[in-house]
Each structure stands twice: as C-alpha cells, then as structure tokens.
Amino acid sequence: MNRAIPAAQVKREALDEGRKVFAAIRNEHTLPASAQEFIEVGDPATKIREKALDWAADMIVTGSHGRRGLPR
C-alpha cells in the first residue's frame, strides 16, 4: 500500500504551521511596526540572501528548530 503524501500537501501544511508560529509570537510579544515576517520555500541560504538584497534590513532573525525560544 502506497502511503506517500503529495508534495503540495506537505508544502501547504508546512506553510500553515509557519503562519501559526508567527501568530503565536505576535500574540506573546510586542513587535515594532517595522517588523516584517517572511515564509519562503527553497534553499534557506538563497532565500535569506534574496531577502537581504531586496530589503535594506537592519537585522535578520531566523529560527533554530523552535527548541529554545526567543531568549536563545
């Protein structure tokens, strides 16, 4: 029996989960109005570089598996 999950479903569920994480952070913390959120699909280094070039950011914050939270 083939129990494969279609790639489109995996991508959709991952994006939905990412949106939930952002919503939880917004609910727990007061973020400056200038804070921007991005959920991208692809090679992380490439996507981070693309955003850094597109947006003159003072800081880029990325997560690390969600195991330690913001204090880390």
Protein backbone atom coordinates (compact mmCIF):
# COMPACT_ATOMS: atom_id res chain seq x y z
CA MET A 1 0.00 0.00 0.00
CA ASN A 2 1.40 3.41 -1.01
CA ARG A 3 1.09 5.94 1.80
CA ALA A 4 3.02 8.76 0.17
CA ILE A 5 1.90 12.29 0.91
CA PRO A 6 1.79 14.62 -2.09
CA ALA A 7 4.50 17.30 -2.02
CA ALA A 8 1.88 20.05 -2.43
CA GLN A 9 0.15 18.86 0.75
CA VAL A 10 3.43 18.81 2.70
CA LYS A 11 4.25 22.33 1.50
CA ARG A 12 0.76 23.62 2.36
CA GLU A 13 0.88 22.09 5.85
CA ALA A 14 4.38 23.49 6.49
CA LEU A 15 3.28 26.98 5.43
CA ASP A 16 0.18 26.74 7.64
CA GLU A 17 2.35 25.70 10.58
CA GLY A 18 4.73 28.61 9.92
CA ARG A 19 1.81 31.04 9.97
CA LYS A 20 0.66 29.59 13.30
CA VAL A 21 4.15 30.08 14.76
CA PHE A 22 4.21 33.72 13.62
CA ALA A 23 0.74 34.29 15.08
CA ALA A 24 1.81 32.85 18.44
CA ILE A 25 4.88 35.09 18.53
CA ARG A 26 2.78 38.16 17.68
CA ASN A 27 0.33 37.26 20.47
CA GLU A 28 3.09 36.82 23.07
CA HIS A 29 5.36 39.75 22.17
CA THR A 30 5.03 43.39 21.23
CA LEU A 31 6.80 43.75 17.92
CA PRO A 32 7.73 47.08 16.36
CA ALA A 33 5.59 48.23 13.47
CA SER A 34 8.61 47.85 11.19
CA ALA A 35 8.90 44.11 11.91
CA GLN A 36 8.26 42.00 8.83
CA GLU A 37 7.60 38.30 8.53
CA PHE A 38 8.51 36.08 5.62
CA ILE A 39 7.78 32.45 4.96
CA GLU A 40 9.75 31.21 1.97
CA VAL A 41 10.14 27.83 0.34
CA GLY A 42 13.51 26.83 -1.09
CA ASP A 43 17.17 26.76 -0.15
CA PRO A 44 17.46 28.74 3.12
CA ALA A 45 20.78 30.43 2.29
CA THR A 46 19.49 31.53 -1.11
CA LYS A 47 16.18 32.80 0.24
CA ILE A 48 17.83 34.70 3.12
CA ARG A 49 20.29 36.29 0.69
CA GLU A 50 17.48 37.27 -1.69
CA LYS A 51 15.53 38.95 1.11
CA ALA A 52 18.63 40.69 2.43
CA LEU A 53 19.26 42.15 -1.03
CA ASP A 54 15.59 43.08 -1.60
CA TRP A 55 15.04 44.71 1.78
CA ALA A 56 17.54 47.03 3.47
CA ALA A 57 17.19 45.27 6.82
CA ASP A 58 18.94 46.34 9.99
CA MET A 59 18.66 42.77 11.26
CA ILE A 60 17.60 39.35 10.02
CA VAL A 61 16.29 36.92 12.62
CA THR A 62 15.90 33.23 11.87
CA GLY A 63 14.67 30.37 13.99
CA SER A 64 16.61 27.31 15.06
CA HIS A 65 14.14 24.42 15.14
CA GLY A 66 11.94 26.15 17.73
CA ARG A 67 13.52 24.28 20.60
CA ARG A 68 14.76 27.14 22.73
CA GLY A 69 12.52 30.14 22.05
CA LEU A 70 13.40 33.81 21.74
CA PRO A 71 15.81 34.07 24.73
CA ARG A 72 18.34 31.87 22.98
